[in-house]
């Protein structure tokens, strides 16, 4: 029996939460790295400050897209059940990546090394963040909202 047509296959892939999460992460990384490079190269910010600004700006589309597209949440965000825990996870990533950038920049402060360090630090947290968002943050917020 032949497999499903290509359109059905692609549609099935986009319906999968982990793929949507990956795509949102790609958008957030694109925003963060663009801002990081802009700050480092054009504004001559330090590697640490460039990382801080880039991560902060990248969190905005990450939260909005994760909430609405990945987890299908609609309506107003609950500040304490969704926004604060999401930003706490982002802060953890920011702290880890800024610490890593700080340590590496004493050895090499080029933009490429800063960028690779930033991406490596966030890559370490990427899988754990998905599990936390999926099993705790948006699930618990959903259960509390319907209770």
N, C-alpha and C. Protein backbone atom coordinates (compact mmCIF):
# COMPACT_ATOMS: atom_id res chain seq x y z
N UNK A 1 0.84 -1.17 0.00
CA UNK A 1 0.00 0.00 0.00
C UNK A 1 0.89 1.25 0.00
N UNK A 2 0.65 2.20 -0.89
CA UNK A 2 1.51 3.38 -0.96
C UNK A 2 1.33 4.27 0.27
N UNK A 3 2.38 5.04 0.56
CA UNK A 3 2.35 5.95 1.70
C UNK A 3 1.45 7.14 1.41
N UNK A 4 1.23 7.98 2.42
CA UNK A 4 0.38 9.15 2.24
C UNK A 4 1.03 10.14 1.28
N UNK A 5 0.22 10.93 0.61
CA UNK A 5 0.79 11.94 -0.28
C UNK A 5 1.68 12.90 0.50
N UNK A 6 2.56 13.55 -0.21
CA UNK A 6 3.52 14.46 0.41
C UNK A 6 2.83 15.54 1.24
N UNK A 7 1.74 16.07 0.75
CA UNK A 7 1.01 17.13 1.48
C UNK A 7 0.52 16.62 2.83
N UNK A 8 -0.03 15.40 2.85
CA UNK A 8 -0.50 14.84 4.11
C UNK A 8 0.66 14.60 5.08
N UNK A 9 1.78 14.14 4.53
CA UNK A 9 2.96 13.91 5.36
C UNK A 9 3.44 15.21 6.00
N UNK A 10 3.56 16.27 5.18
CA UNK A 10 4.02 17.56 5.68
C UNK A 10 3.04 18.11 6.72
N UNK A 11 1.75 18.02 6.43
CA UNK A 11 0.74 18.50 7.38
C UNK A 11 0.84 17.76 8.71
N UNK A 12 1.06 16.44 8.65
CA UNK A 12 1.19 15.66 9.88
C UNK A 12 2.41 16.10 10.68
N UNK A 13 3.49 16.44 9.99
CA UNK A 13 4.69 16.89 10.70
C UNK A 13 4.46 18.23 11.40
N UNK A 14 3.72 19.13 10.74
CA UNK A 14 3.46 20.43 11.34
C UNK A 14 2.46 20.34 12.49
N UNK A 15 1.73 19.26 12.57
CA UNK A 15 0.80 19.08 13.68
C UNK A 15 1.50 18.56 14.93
N UNK A 16 2.73 18.21 14.81
CA UNK A 16 3.46 17.65 15.94
C UNK A 16 4.06 18.75 16.79
N UNK A 17 3.82 18.66 18.07
CA UNK A 17 4.25 19.70 19.00
C UNK A 17 5.76 19.91 19.00
N UNK A 18 6.52 18.81 18.97
CA UNK A 18 7.97 18.97 19.04
C UNK A 18 8.53 19.66 17.80
N UNK A 19 7.92 19.43 16.65
CA UNK A 19 8.38 20.10 15.44
C UNK A 19 8.04 21.59 15.49
N UNK A 20 6.85 21.91 15.96
CA UNK A 20 6.48 23.32 16.10
C UNK A 20 7.40 24.02 17.11
N UNK A 21 7.72 23.32 18.19
CA UNK A 21 8.64 23.87 19.20
C UNK A 21 10.01 24.13 18.57
N UNK A 22 10.48 23.22 17.75
CA UNK A 22 11.75 23.39 17.07
C UNK A 22 11.72 24.60 16.14
N UNK A 23 10.61 24.75 15.42
CA UNK A 23 10.50 25.88 14.51
C UNK A 23 10.43 27.21 15.27
N UNK A 24 9.73 27.24 16.38
CA UNK A 24 9.69 28.44 17.20
C UNK A 24 11.08 28.74 17.74
N UNK A 25 11.80 27.72 18.15
CA UNK A 25 13.16 27.91 18.63
C UNK A 25 14.04 28.50 17.54
N UNK A 26 13.86 28.05 16.31
CA UNK A 26 14.64 28.59 15.20
C UNK A 26 14.34 30.08 15.00
N UNK A 27 13.08 30.46 15.12
CA UNK A 27 12.72 31.88 15.01
C UNK A 27 13.36 32.67 16.14
N UNK A 28 13.24 32.16 17.37
CA UNK A 28 13.80 32.87 18.52
C UNK A 28 15.32 32.98 18.41
N UNK A 29 15.97 31.92 17.95
CA UNK A 29 17.42 31.96 17.77
C UNK A 29 17.78 32.97 16.69
N UNK A 30 17.01 33.00 15.61
CA UNK A 30 17.27 33.98 14.56
C UNK A 30 17.17 35.41 15.07
N UNK A 31 16.14 35.68 15.86
CA UNK A 31 15.97 37.02 16.43
C UNK A 31 17.10 37.32 17.41
N UNK A 32 17.36 36.39 18.32
CA UNK A 32 18.40 36.60 19.33
C UNK A 32 19.77 36.82 18.71
N UNK A 33 20.13 35.96 17.77
CA UNK A 33 21.46 36.09 17.17
C UNK A 33 21.58 37.35 16.32
N UNK A 34 20.52 37.72 15.63
CA UNK A 34 20.56 38.96 14.84
C UNK A 34 20.79 40.16 15.74
N UNK A 35 20.06 40.20 16.86
CA UNK A 35 20.21 41.31 17.79
C UNK A 35 21.59 41.26 18.44
N UNK A 36 22.06 40.07 18.80
CA UNK A 36 23.39 39.93 19.40
C UNK A 36 24.47 40.46 18.45
N UNK A 37 24.43 40.04 17.21
CA UNK A 37 25.42 40.49 16.22
C UNK A 37 25.31 42.00 16.01
N UNK A 38 24.08 42.51 15.91
CA UNK A 38 23.86 43.95 15.73
C UNK A 38 24.48 44.73 16.90
N UNK A 39 24.23 44.27 18.11
CA UNK A 39 24.75 44.97 19.29
C UNK A 39 26.28 44.89 19.34
N UNK A 40 26.81 43.72 19.04
CA UNK A 40 28.27 43.52 19.13
C UNK A 40 29.01 44.25 18.02
N UNK A 41 28.53 44.12 16.79
CA UNK A 41 29.25 44.66 15.64
C UNK A 41 28.95 46.13 15.37
N UNK A 42 27.69 46.53 15.44
CA UNK A 42 27.33 47.90 15.05
C UNK A 42 27.29 48.87 16.23
N UNK A 43 26.88 48.37 17.38
CA UNK A 43 26.80 49.25 18.54
C UNK A 43 28.03 49.14 19.45
N UNK A 44 28.92 48.19 19.12
CA UNK A 44 30.16 47.96 19.89
C UNK A 44 29.91 47.66 21.36
N UNK A 45 28.81 46.96 21.64
CA UNK A 45 28.56 46.51 23.01
C UNK A 45 29.54 45.40 23.35
N UNK A 46 29.73 45.17 24.63
CA UNK A 46 30.56 44.05 25.08
C UNK A 46 29.87 42.73 24.70
N UNK A 47 30.62 41.64 24.66
CA UNK A 47 29.98 40.35 24.37
C UNK A 47 28.86 40.02 25.36
N UNK A 48 29.08 40.31 26.64
CA UNK A 48 28.08 40.00 27.66
C UNK A 48 26.81 40.83 27.48
N UNK A 49 26.96 42.14 27.24
CA UNK A 49 25.80 43.00 27.06
C UNK A 49 25.06 42.65 25.76
N UNK A 50 25.81 42.33 24.72
CA UNK A 50 25.19 41.91 23.45
C UNK A 50 24.35 40.65 23.67
N UNK A 51 24.88 39.71 24.43
CA UNK A 51 24.17 38.48 24.74
C UNK A 51 22.91 38.78 25.54
N UNK A 52 23.02 39.63 26.54
CA UNK A 52 21.87 39.98 27.38
C UNK A 52 20.75 40.62 26.55
N UNK A 53 21.09 41.56 25.71
CA UNK A 53 20.08 42.23 24.88
C UNK A 53 19.48 41.24 23.87
N UNK A 54 20.33 40.45 23.22
CA UNK A 54 19.84 39.48 22.24
C UNK A 54 18.89 38.46 22.83
N UNK A 55 19.25 37.91 23.96
CA UNK A 55 18.40 36.91 24.62
C UNK A 55 17.09 37.55 25.07
N UNK A 56 17.16 38.74 25.62
CA UNK A 56 15.95 39.41 26.10
C UNK A 56 14.97 39.67 24.96
N UNK A 57 15.46 40.17 23.85
CA UNK A 57 14.59 40.45 22.71
C UNK A 57 14.04 39.15 22.11
N UNK A 58 14.86 38.12 22.03
CA UNK A 58 14.43 36.84 21.46
C UNK A 58 13.37 36.12 22.28
N UNK A 59 13.28 36.44 23.57
CA UNK A 59 12.28 35.80 24.43
C UNK A 59 10.85 36.21 24.08
N UNK A 60 10.69 37.38 23.53
CA UNK A 60 9.34 37.88 23.23
C UNK A 60 8.65 37.01 22.17
N UNK A 61 9.24 36.83 20.98
CA UNK A 61 8.57 35.95 20.02
C UNK A 61 8.54 34.49 20.48
N UNK A 62 9.53 34.10 21.26
CA UNK A 62 9.55 32.72 21.76
C UNK A 62 8.33 32.44 22.63
N UNK A 63 8.05 33.32 23.58
CA UNK A 63 6.90 33.12 24.46
C UNK A 63 5.60 33.14 23.65
N UNK A 64 5.45 34.16 22.84
CA UNK A 64 4.19 34.32 22.11
C UNK A 64 3.93 33.15 21.17
N UNK A 65 4.93 32.72 20.42
CA UNK A 65 4.75 31.61 19.49
C UNK A 65 4.60 30.28 20.21
N UNK A 66 5.38 30.05 21.25
CA UNK A 66 5.24 28.80 22.00
C UNK A 66 3.85 28.69 22.60
N UNK A 67 3.38 29.75 23.20
CA UNK A 67 2.08 29.72 23.85
C UNK A 67 0.96 29.48 22.84
N UNK A 68 0.96 30.24 21.77
CA UNK A 68 -0.17 30.16 20.84
C UNK A 68 -0.04 29.03 19.82
N UNK A 69 1.12 28.86 19.21
CA UNK A 69 1.23 27.90 18.11
C UNK A 69 1.59 26.50 18.60
N UNK A 70 2.54 26.41 19.52
CA UNK A 70 2.97 25.08 19.97
C UNK A 70 1.96 24.46 20.92
N UNK A 71 1.52 25.23 21.92
CA UNK A 71 0.61 24.67 22.92
C UNK A 71 -0.85 25.09 22.71
N UNK A 72 -1.13 25.85 21.68
CA UNK A 72 -2.51 26.17 21.32
C UNK A 72 -3.29 26.97 22.34
N UNK A 73 -2.60 27.75 23.14
CA UNK A 73 -3.27 28.56 24.15
C UNK A 73 -3.80 29.82 23.50
N UNK A 74 -5.00 30.19 23.84
CA UNK A 74 -5.64 31.40 23.32
C UNK A 74 -6.07 32.28 24.49
N UNK A 75 -6.36 33.50 24.20
CA UNK A 75 -6.82 34.40 25.24
C UNK A 75 -5.68 35.02 26.00
N UNK A 76 -6.04 35.65 27.08
CA UNK A 76 -5.07 36.38 27.89
C UNK A 76 -4.14 35.42 28.63
N UNK A 77 -2.87 35.78 28.67
CA UNK A 77 -1.89 35.00 29.41
C UNK A 77 -2.10 35.20 30.91
N UNK A 78 -1.90 34.14 31.66
CA UNK A 78 -1.94 34.26 33.11
C UNK A 78 -0.52 34.61 33.58
N UNK A 79 -0.38 35.76 34.21
CA UNK A 79 0.94 36.28 34.56
C UNK A 79 1.73 35.33 35.44
N UNK A 80 1.14 34.83 36.54
CA UNK A 80 1.89 34.02 37.49
C UNK A 80 2.01 32.55 37.07
N UNK A 81 1.06 32.04 36.30
CA UNK A 81 1.10 30.63 35.90
C UNK A 81 1.83 30.39 34.59
N UNK A 82 1.91 31.40 33.73
CA UNK A 82 2.53 31.21 32.42
C UNK A 82 3.70 32.17 32.18
N UNK A 83 3.44 33.46 32.32
CA UNK A 83 4.46 34.44 31.94
C UNK A 83 5.68 34.35 32.86
N UNK A 84 5.49 34.42 34.16
CA UNK A 84 6.62 34.40 35.09
C UNK A 84 7.44 33.11 35.01
N UNK A 85 6.81 31.92 35.00
CA UNK A 85 7.63 30.72 34.86
C UNK A 85 8.39 30.66 33.52
N UNK A 86 7.75 31.12 32.44
CA UNK A 86 8.42 31.13 31.14
C UNK A 86 9.64 32.06 31.20
N UNK A 87 9.46 33.24 31.76
CA UNK A 87 10.57 34.18 31.84
C UNK A 87 11.62 33.69 32.83
N UNK A 88 11.22 32.94 33.85
CA UNK A 88 12.22 32.36 34.76
C UNK A 88 13.11 31.36 34.02
N UNK A 89 12.50 30.56 33.16
CA UNK A 89 13.30 29.64 32.33
C UNK A 89 14.21 30.43 31.39
N UNK A 90 13.67 31.50 30.83
CA UNK A 90 14.49 32.34 29.95
C UNK A 90 15.63 32.97 30.73
N UNK A 91 15.35 33.39 31.97
CA UNK A 91 16.39 33.97 32.81
C UNK A 91 17.49 32.96 33.12
N UNK A 92 17.10 31.72 33.36
CA UNK A 92 18.08 30.66 33.58
C UNK A 92 18.98 30.51 32.35
N UNK A 93 18.36 30.51 31.17
CA UNK A 93 19.14 30.44 29.93
C UNK A 93 20.03 31.65 29.76
N UNK A 94 19.50 32.81 30.11
CA UNK A 94 20.28 34.05 30.01
C UNK A 94 21.49 34.01 30.94
N UNK A 95 21.27 33.57 32.17
CA UNK A 95 22.37 33.48 33.14
C UNK A 95 23.43 32.50 32.65
N UNK A 96 22.99 31.31 32.22
CA UNK A 96 23.93 30.30 31.74
C UNK A 96 24.69 30.81 30.52
N UNK A 97 23.97 31.38 29.56
CA UNK A 97 24.65 31.82 28.33
C UNK A 97 25.56 33.02 28.60
N UNK A 98 25.14 33.95 29.46
CA UNK A 98 25.98 35.12 29.76
C UNK A 98 27.23 34.70 30.52
N UNK A 99 27.08 33.76 31.45
CA UNK A 99 28.24 33.25 32.16
C UNK A 99 29.21 32.57 31.19
N UNK A 100 28.67 31.76 30.31
CA UNK A 100 29.51 31.08 29.31
C UNK A 100 30.19 32.10 28.39
N UNK A 101 29.43 33.10 27.94
CA UNK A 101 30.01 34.13 27.07
C UNK A 101 31.10 34.90 27.81
N UNK A 102 30.85 35.21 29.08
CA UNK A 102 31.84 35.93 29.89
C UNK A 102 33.13 35.11 29.99
N UNK A 103 32.99 33.82 30.30
CA UNK A 103 34.17 32.98 30.45
C UNK A 103 34.94 32.81 29.14
N UNK A 104 34.21 32.60 28.07
CA UNK A 104 34.86 32.39 26.77
C UNK A 104 35.44 33.69 26.22
N UNK A 105 34.77 34.83 26.48
CA UNK A 105 35.25 36.09 25.91
C UNK A 105 36.60 36.52 26.48
N UNK A 106 36.97 35.99 27.64
CA UNK A 106 38.30 36.30 28.16
C UNK A 106 39.38 35.60 27.33
N UNK A 107 38.99 34.56 26.64
CA UNK A 107 39.90 33.83 25.76
C UNK A 107 39.81 34.36 24.34
N UNK A 108 38.57 34.62 23.87
CA UNK A 108 38.36 35.09 22.50
C UNK A 108 37.02 35.83 22.47
N UNK A 109 37.04 37.11 22.15
CA UNK A 109 35.81 37.90 22.17
C UNK A 109 35.28 38.23 20.78
N UNK A 110 35.64 37.44 19.78
CA UNK A 110 35.10 37.69 18.45
C UNK A 110 33.61 37.39 18.43
N UNK A 111 32.92 38.00 17.50
CA UNK A 111 31.47 37.81 17.39
C UNK A 111 31.13 36.34 17.14
N UNK A 112 31.88 35.67 16.30
CA UNK A 112 31.60 34.27 15.99
C UNK A 112 31.69 33.40 17.24
N UNK A 113 32.73 33.59 18.02
CA UNK A 113 32.89 32.80 19.25
C UNK A 113 31.79 33.14 20.25
N UNK A 114 31.42 34.41 20.35
CA UNK A 114 30.32 34.82 21.23
C UNK A 114 29.03 34.13 20.81
N UNK A 115 28.77 34.12 19.52
CA UNK A 115 27.56 33.51 18.99
C UNK A 115 27.54 32.00 19.22
N UNK A 116 28.62 31.33 18.96
CA UNK A 116 28.70 29.88 19.17
C UNK A 116 28.51 29.53 20.65
N UNK A 117 29.11 30.33 21.51
CA UNK A 117 28.97 30.11 22.95
C UNK A 117 27.52 30.28 23.39
N UNK A 118 26.88 31.34 22.90
CA UNK A 118 25.47 31.59 23.21
C UNK A 118 24.61 30.42 22.76
N UNK A 119 24.78 29.98 21.53
CA UNK A 119 23.97 28.88 20.99
C UNK A 119 24.23 27.57 21.74
N UNK A 120 25.46 27.33 22.12
CA UNK A 120 25.79 26.11 22.86
C UNK A 120 25.12 26.09 24.23
N UNK A 121 25.15 27.22 24.91
CA UNK A 121 24.52 27.29 26.23
C UNK A 121 23.02 27.06 26.14
N UNK A 122 22.38 27.67 25.15
CA UNK A 122 20.94 27.48 25.00
C UNK A 122 20.61 26.07 24.51
N UNK A 123 21.48 25.49 23.73
CA UNK A 123 21.25 24.12 23.27
C UNK A 123 21.20 23.13 24.42
N UNK A 124 22.00 23.39 25.43
CA UNK A 124 22.02 22.51 26.61
C UNK A 124 20.65 22.51 27.30
N UNK A 125 20.01 23.66 27.35
CA UNK A 125 18.72 23.78 28.04
C UNK A 125 17.51 23.47 27.17
N UNK A 126 17.69 23.35 25.88
CA UNK A 126 16.59 23.27 24.93
C UNK A 126 15.63 22.10 25.22
N UNK A 127 16.16 20.91 25.38
CA UNK A 127 15.31 19.73 25.61
C UNK A 127 14.63 19.82 26.97
N UNK A 128 15.36 20.22 27.98
CA UNK A 128 14.77 20.34 29.32
C UNK A 128 13.65 21.38 29.31
N UNK A 129 13.84 22.46 28.59
CA UNK A 129 12.81 23.50 28.53
C UNK A 129 11.53 22.97 27.89
N UNK A 130 11.65 22.18 26.82
CA UNK A 130 10.47 21.60 26.19
C UNK A 130 9.70 20.75 27.19
N UNK A 131 10.40 19.90 27.92
CA UNK A 131 9.74 19.02 28.87
C UNK A 131 9.05 19.82 29.98
N UNK A 132 9.70 20.87 30.44
CA UNK A 132 9.10 21.70 31.48
C UNK A 132 7.87 22.44 30.95
N UNK A 133 7.98 23.01 29.77
CA UNK A 133 6.84 23.72 29.19
C UNK A 133 5.67 22.78 28.93
N UNK A 134 5.98 21.60 28.41
CA UNK A 134 4.93 20.65 28.03
C UNK A 134 4.28 19.99 29.24
N UNK A 135 5.09 19.52 30.18
CA UNK A 135 4.52 18.74 31.28
C UNK A 135 4.11 19.60 32.47
N UNK A 136 4.67 20.77 32.59
CA UNK A 136 4.35 21.59 33.76
C UNK A 136 3.68 22.91 33.40
N UNK A 137 4.41 23.77 32.76
CA UNK A 137 3.96 25.15 32.61
C UNK A 137 2.61 25.29 31.93
N UNK A 138 2.51 24.93 30.67
CA UNK A 138 1.26 25.14 29.96
C UNK A 138 0.20 24.10 30.33
N UNK A 139 0.61 22.91 30.74
CA UNK A 139 -0.33 21.89 31.17
C UNK A 139 -0.97 22.27 32.50
N UNK A 140 -0.15 22.67 33.46
CA UNK A 140 -0.65 23.05 34.78
C UNK A 140 -1.52 24.30 34.66
N UNK A 141 -1.09 25.27 33.87
CA UNK A 141 -1.89 26.49 33.69
C UNK A 141 -3.23 26.15 33.07
N UNK A 142 -3.25 25.19 32.15
CA UNK A 142 -4.50 24.76 31.52
C UNK A 142 -5.40 24.08 32.55
N UNK A 143 -4.84 23.19 33.35
CA UNK A 143 -5.64 22.47 34.35
C UNK A 143 -6.19 23.42 35.40
N UNK A 144 -5.40 24.39 35.84
CA UNK A 144 -5.88 25.35 36.83
C UNK A 144 -6.95 26.25 36.26
N UNK A 145 -6.85 26.59 34.98
CA UNK A 145 -7.83 27.47 34.36
C UNK A 145 -9.19 26.77 34.20
N UNK A 146 -9.17 25.45 33.99
CA UNK A 146 -10.41 24.72 33.80
C UNK A 146 -11.01 24.20 35.11
N UNK A 147 -10.24 24.28 36.19
CA UNK A 147 -10.72 23.77 37.49
C UNK A 147 -11.68 24.74 38.16
